[in-house]
N, C-alpha and C. Protein backbone atom coordinates (compact mmCIF):
# COMPACT_ATOMS: atom_id res chain seq x y z
N UNK A 1 12.84 7.55 33.01
CA UNK A 1 12.26 7.53 31.64
C UNK A 1 11.42 8.80 31.46
N UNK A 2 11.62 9.44 30.26
CA UNK A 2 10.84 10.69 30.04
C UNK A 2 9.44 10.35 29.56
N UNK A 3 8.59 11.35 29.62
CA UNK A 3 7.19 11.20 29.25
C UNK A 3 6.87 10.59 27.97
N UNK A 4 7.63 11.10 26.91
CA UNK A 4 7.41 10.61 25.56
C UNK A 4 7.69 9.13 25.43
N UNK A 5 8.85 8.78 26.05
CA UNK A 5 9.28 7.33 26.03
C UNK A 5 8.19 6.43 26.76
N UNK A 6 7.77 6.88 27.91
CA UNK A 6 6.76 6.18 28.61
C UNK A 6 5.48 6.08 27.81
N UNK A 7 5.04 7.16 27.17
CA UNK A 7 3.88 7.12 26.38
C UNK A 7 4.03 6.13 25.19
N UNK A 8 5.14 6.07 24.54
CA UNK A 8 5.40 5.27 23.33
C UNK A 8 5.29 3.75 23.89
N UNK A 9 5.97 3.42 24.99
CA UNK A 9 5.97 2.10 25.54
C UNK A 9 4.48 1.62 25.81
N UNK A 10 3.76 2.53 26.46
CA UNK A 10 2.34 2.17 26.77
C UNK A 10 1.54 2.02 25.51
N UNK A 11 1.70 2.81 24.53
CA UNK A 11 0.95 2.70 23.27
C UNK A 11 1.29 1.37 22.64
N UNK A 12 2.52 1.05 22.55
CA UNK A 12 2.91 -0.24 21.90
C UNK A 12 2.27 -1.45 22.72
N UNK A 13 2.37 -1.38 24.00
CA UNK A 13 1.83 -2.48 24.85
C UNK A 13 0.24 -2.49 24.67
N UNK A 14 -0.38 -1.33 24.57
CA UNK A 14 -1.88 -1.32 24.41
C UNK A 14 -2.21 -1.88 23.04
N UNK A 15 -1.50 -1.54 22.01
CA UNK A 15 -1.86 -2.08 20.71
C UNK A 15 -1.69 -3.59 20.73
N UNK A 16 -0.69 -4.15 21.32
CA UNK A 16 -0.55 -5.61 21.45
C UNK A 16 -1.64 -6.28 22.24
N UNK A 17 -2.05 -5.56 23.30
CA UNK A 17 -3.14 -6.17 24.17
C UNK A 17 -4.50 -6.07 23.39
N UNK A 18 -4.72 -4.97 22.70
CA UNK A 18 -5.96 -4.89 21.87
C UNK A 18 -5.96 -5.95 20.88
N UNK A 19 -4.86 -6.18 20.15
CA UNK A 19 -4.83 -7.21 19.09
C UNK A 19 -5.02 -8.59 19.74
N UNK A 20 -4.54 -8.86 20.91
CA UNK A 20 -4.61 -10.14 21.61
C UNK A 20 -5.99 -10.37 22.10
N UNK A 21 -6.55 -9.38 22.84
CA UNK A 21 -7.74 -9.56 23.60
C UNK A 21 -9.03 -8.94 22.97
N UNK A 22 -8.80 -8.01 22.05
CA UNK A 22 -9.94 -7.13 21.71
C UNK A 22 -10.13 -5.99 22.62
N UNK A 23 -10.69 -4.89 22.20
CA UNK A 23 -10.90 -3.80 23.03
C UNK A 23 -11.74 -4.05 24.29
N UNK A 24 -12.89 -4.60 24.14
CA UNK A 24 -13.72 -4.90 25.36
C UNK A 24 -13.10 -5.60 26.55
N UNK A 25 -12.28 -6.56 26.15
CA UNK A 25 -11.66 -7.43 27.16
C UNK A 25 -10.31 -6.90 27.67
N UNK A 26 -9.87 -5.79 27.08
CA UNK A 26 -8.53 -5.26 27.58
C UNK A 26 -8.79 -4.30 28.75
N UNK A 27 -7.98 -4.52 29.84
CA UNK A 27 -8.20 -3.67 30.97
C UNK A 27 -6.77 -2.89 31.13
N UNK A 28 -6.84 -1.82 31.91
CA UNK A 28 -5.59 -1.04 32.15
C UNK A 28 -4.50 -1.94 32.75
N UNK A 29 -4.91 -2.80 33.64
CA UNK A 29 -4.00 -3.70 34.27
C UNK A 29 -3.20 -4.59 33.35
N UNK A 30 -3.88 -5.01 32.20
CA UNK A 30 -3.23 -5.78 31.14
C UNK A 30 -2.09 -4.97 30.52
N UNK A 31 -2.48 -3.70 30.22
CA UNK A 31 -1.58 -2.83 29.49
C UNK A 31 -0.36 -2.49 30.33
N UNK A 32 -0.62 -2.08 31.63
CA UNK A 32 0.53 -1.71 32.49
C UNK A 32 1.48 -2.93 32.78
N UNK A 33 0.84 -4.09 32.87
CA UNK A 33 1.70 -5.28 33.07
C UNK A 33 2.64 -5.54 31.88
N UNK A 34 2.06 -5.38 30.63
CA UNK A 34 2.78 -5.71 29.46
C UNK A 34 3.81 -4.53 29.24
N UNK A 35 3.48 -3.31 29.57
CA UNK A 35 4.43 -2.17 29.32
C UNK A 35 5.39 -2.10 30.49
N UNK A 36 5.18 -2.79 31.64
CA UNK A 36 6.06 -2.76 32.74
C UNK A 36 6.16 -1.37 33.32
N UNK A 37 5.05 -0.62 33.41
CA UNK A 37 4.91 0.64 34.05
C UNK A 37 3.91 0.61 35.20
N UNK A 38 3.90 1.62 36.00
CA UNK A 38 3.00 1.73 37.08
C UNK A 38 1.63 2.30 36.69
N UNK A 39 0.61 2.10 37.44
CA UNK A 39 -0.72 2.65 37.21
C UNK A 39 -0.55 4.14 37.15
N UNK A 40 0.25 4.80 38.07
CA UNK A 40 0.38 6.22 38.14
C UNK A 40 1.06 6.76 36.88
N UNK A 41 1.98 6.02 36.27
CA UNK A 41 2.54 6.35 34.99
C UNK A 41 1.55 6.34 33.80
N UNK A 42 0.69 5.36 33.87
CA UNK A 42 -0.35 5.26 32.88
C UNK A 42 -1.24 6.46 33.01
N UNK A 43 -1.66 6.75 34.24
CA UNK A 43 -2.56 7.85 34.51
C UNK A 43 -2.00 9.30 34.19
N UNK A 44 -0.69 9.39 34.23
CA UNK A 44 -0.02 10.61 33.77
C UNK A 44 -0.07 10.88 32.30
N UNK A 45 -0.13 9.70 31.61
CA UNK A 45 -0.05 9.83 30.13
C UNK A 45 -1.53 9.84 29.50
N UNK A 46 -2.49 9.18 30.14
CA UNK A 46 -3.79 9.00 29.55
C UNK A 46 -4.81 9.29 30.58
N UNK A 47 -5.91 9.89 30.15
CA UNK A 47 -7.01 10.22 31.08
C UNK A 47 -7.92 9.01 31.28
N UNK A 48 -7.86 8.04 30.34
CA UNK A 48 -8.71 6.84 30.46
C UNK A 48 -8.22 5.76 29.53
N UNK A 49 -8.85 4.64 29.59
CA UNK A 49 -8.50 3.53 28.69
C UNK A 49 -8.97 3.96 27.29
N UNK A 50 -10.03 4.69 27.15
CA UNK A 50 -10.57 5.18 25.85
C UNK A 50 -9.55 6.19 25.23
N UNK A 51 -9.03 7.02 26.05
CA UNK A 51 -8.01 8.00 25.60
C UNK A 51 -6.75 7.24 25.07
N UNK A 52 -6.34 6.18 25.74
CA UNK A 52 -5.26 5.36 25.31
C UNK A 52 -5.59 4.70 23.96
N UNK A 53 -6.76 4.13 23.87
CA UNK A 53 -7.24 3.50 22.62
C UNK A 53 -7.09 4.62 21.45
N UNK A 54 -7.57 5.75 21.71
CA UNK A 54 -7.59 6.78 20.60
C UNK A 54 -6.12 7.11 20.24
N UNK A 55 -5.19 7.12 21.14
CA UNK A 55 -3.85 7.40 20.91
C UNK A 55 -3.23 6.28 20.05
N UNK A 56 -3.60 5.08 20.38
CA UNK A 56 -3.18 3.86 19.68
C UNK A 56 -3.58 4.00 18.23
N UNK A 57 -4.82 4.29 18.01
CA UNK A 57 -5.42 4.42 16.65
C UNK A 57 -4.65 5.50 15.89
N UNK A 58 -4.47 6.65 16.48
CA UNK A 58 -3.83 7.80 15.89
C UNK A 58 -2.35 7.39 15.47
N UNK A 59 -1.70 6.64 16.39
CA UNK A 59 -0.27 6.21 16.14
C UNK A 59 -0.32 5.23 14.93
N UNK A 60 -1.22 4.41 14.88
CA UNK A 60 -1.33 3.40 13.84
C UNK A 60 -1.60 4.09 12.51
N UNK A 61 -2.47 5.05 12.52
CA UNK A 61 -2.82 5.84 11.27
C UNK A 61 -1.53 6.55 10.85
N UNK A 62 -0.75 7.13 11.64
CA UNK A 62 0.38 7.97 11.28
C UNK A 62 1.50 6.98 10.73
N UNK A 63 1.63 5.87 11.37
CA UNK A 63 2.49 4.84 10.87
C UNK A 63 2.24 4.40 9.42
N UNK A 64 1.00 4.17 9.16
CA UNK A 64 0.55 3.78 7.77
C UNK A 64 0.76 4.98 6.82
N UNK A 65 0.46 6.11 7.23
CA UNK A 65 0.63 7.27 6.31
C UNK A 65 2.17 7.53 6.00
N UNK A 66 2.93 7.36 7.05
CA UNK A 66 4.47 7.52 6.89
C UNK A 66 5.01 6.46 5.91
N UNK A 67 4.55 5.23 6.08
CA UNK A 67 5.01 4.15 5.17
C UNK A 67 4.64 4.40 3.74
N UNK A 68 3.33 4.80 3.63
CA UNK A 68 2.85 5.02 2.26
C UNK A 68 3.57 6.23 1.60
N UNK A 69 3.80 7.27 2.32
CA UNK A 69 4.56 8.48 1.75
C UNK A 69 5.95 7.95 1.35
N UNK A 70 6.65 7.27 2.17
CA UNK A 70 7.98 6.83 1.83
C UNK A 70 8.03 5.90 0.57
N UNK A 71 7.05 5.09 0.45
CA UNK A 71 7.04 4.25 -0.69
C UNK A 71 6.69 5.03 -1.94
N UNK A 72 5.85 6.10 -1.83
CA UNK A 72 5.47 6.87 -2.96
C UNK A 72 6.70 7.74 -3.39
N UNK A 73 7.51 8.25 -2.46
CA UNK A 73 8.68 9.00 -2.78
C UNK A 73 9.64 8.15 -3.52
N UNK A 74 9.79 6.92 -3.11
CA UNK A 74 10.76 6.01 -3.79
C UNK A 74 10.39 5.76 -5.26
N UNK A 75 9.06 5.69 -5.52
CA UNK A 75 8.52 5.44 -6.80
C UNK A 75 8.71 6.72 -7.68
N UNK A 76 8.43 7.88 -7.09
CA UNK A 76 8.44 9.12 -7.76
C UNK A 76 9.84 9.49 -8.26
N UNK A 77 10.86 9.33 -7.35
CA UNK A 77 12.27 9.69 -7.77
C UNK A 77 12.91 8.73 -8.68
N UNK A 78 12.18 7.77 -9.12
CA UNK A 78 12.80 6.87 -10.19
C UNK A 78 13.44 5.69 -9.66
N UNK A 79 13.43 5.43 -8.47
CA UNK A 79 14.08 4.24 -7.92
C UNK A 79 13.15 2.99 -8.10
N UNK A 80 11.94 3.24 -8.45
CA UNK A 80 11.03 2.17 -8.67
C UNK A 80 10.79 1.87 -10.10
N UNK A 81 10.02 0.88 -10.29
CA UNK A 81 9.67 0.43 -11.66
C UNK A 81 8.15 -0.03 -11.65
N UNK A 82 7.69 -0.54 -12.66
CA UNK A 82 6.39 -0.97 -12.74
C UNK A 82 6.14 -2.12 -11.71
N UNK A 83 7.16 -2.99 -11.54
CA UNK A 83 7.12 -4.04 -10.62
C UNK A 83 7.02 -3.49 -9.21
N UNK A 84 7.84 -2.48 -8.93
CA UNK A 84 7.82 -1.84 -7.59
C UNK A 84 6.44 -1.25 -7.33
N UNK A 85 5.86 -0.63 -8.30
CA UNK A 85 4.50 -0.02 -8.15
C UNK A 85 3.55 -1.14 -7.82
N UNK A 86 3.56 -2.32 -8.43
CA UNK A 86 2.72 -3.37 -8.12
C UNK A 86 2.93 -3.82 -6.69
N UNK A 87 4.14 -3.94 -6.35
CA UNK A 87 4.47 -4.42 -4.90
C UNK A 87 3.89 -3.38 -3.92
N UNK A 88 4.12 -2.12 -4.23
CA UNK A 88 3.64 -0.93 -3.35
C UNK A 88 2.12 -1.04 -3.21
N UNK A 89 1.38 -1.34 -4.29
CA UNK A 89 -0.07 -1.49 -4.22
C UNK A 89 -0.45 -2.63 -3.31
N UNK A 90 0.21 -3.73 -3.48
CA UNK A 90 -0.12 -4.92 -2.67
C UNK A 90 0.20 -4.65 -1.20
N UNK A 91 1.36 -3.96 -0.86
CA UNK A 91 1.67 -3.63 0.51
C UNK A 91 0.69 -2.69 1.09
N UNK A 92 0.20 -1.72 0.30
CA UNK A 92 -0.76 -0.70 0.81
C UNK A 92 -2.03 -1.47 1.18
N UNK A 93 -2.41 -2.41 0.35
CA UNK A 93 -3.69 -3.14 0.62
C UNK A 93 -3.46 -3.91 1.92
N UNK A 94 -2.31 -4.53 2.17
CA UNK A 94 -2.07 -5.24 3.38
C UNK A 94 -2.09 -4.33 4.55
N UNK A 95 -1.51 -3.13 4.42
CA UNK A 95 -1.55 -2.21 5.58
C UNK A 95 -3.02 -1.74 5.84
N UNK A 96 -3.77 -1.56 4.81
CA UNK A 96 -5.14 -1.15 4.96
C UNK A 96 -5.94 -2.23 5.64
N UNK A 97 -5.70 -3.50 5.27
CA UNK A 97 -6.38 -4.60 5.78
C UNK A 97 -6.01 -4.75 7.28
N UNK A 98 -4.73 -4.66 7.61
CA UNK A 98 -4.31 -4.71 9.02
C UNK A 98 -4.99 -3.60 9.76
N UNK A 99 -5.10 -2.42 9.20
CA UNK A 99 -5.77 -1.33 9.87
C UNK A 99 -7.29 -1.63 10.12
N UNK A 100 -7.81 -2.25 9.17
CA UNK A 100 -9.25 -2.62 9.32
C UNK A 100 -9.41 -3.70 10.41
N UNK A 101 -8.56 -4.72 10.28
CA UNK A 101 -8.69 -5.78 11.28
C UNK A 101 -8.40 -5.21 12.62
N UNK A 102 -7.42 -4.37 12.83
CA UNK A 102 -7.10 -3.78 13.98
C UNK A 102 -8.33 -2.93 14.58
N UNK A 103 -8.96 -2.24 13.70
CA UNK A 103 -10.15 -1.43 14.09
C UNK A 103 -11.35 -2.38 14.50
N UNK A 104 -11.44 -3.49 13.77
CA UNK A 104 -12.49 -4.44 14.14
C UNK A 104 -12.19 -5.04 15.51
N UNK A 105 -10.95 -5.40 15.83
CA UNK A 105 -10.57 -5.87 17.14
C UNK A 105 -10.98 -4.92 18.27
N UNK A 106 -10.71 -3.66 17.97
CA UNK A 106 -11.02 -2.61 18.98
C UNK A 106 -12.52 -2.45 19.12
N UNK A 107 -13.25 -2.53 18.07
CA UNK A 107 -14.68 -2.23 18.14
C UNK A 107 -15.45 -3.45 18.70
N UNK A 108 -14.91 -4.66 18.74
CA UNK A 108 -15.56 -5.78 19.31
C UNK A 108 -15.80 -5.65 20.81
């Protein structure tokens, strides 16, 4: 498996573990078990658990930004309507709330 794929798998596993346990209770062993990678593979990708957490947050922010941009493009090019704009606004609020909840899990 290449480095980018390994990193992505670990980030997804870490995000799931942080959501399940919260940041303080999550250990590297939990993440590598969920990701089905070795400790050495984890260490090749991240310098520490904190580094992994920062990458998870960065990934989450990029995902929210990408989704928001795609929805705005659909509205701007005329594929949307007032109804779609209302749905977009509600979905954006959900994403923001998920981001806030996720951040709160990590900070606990």
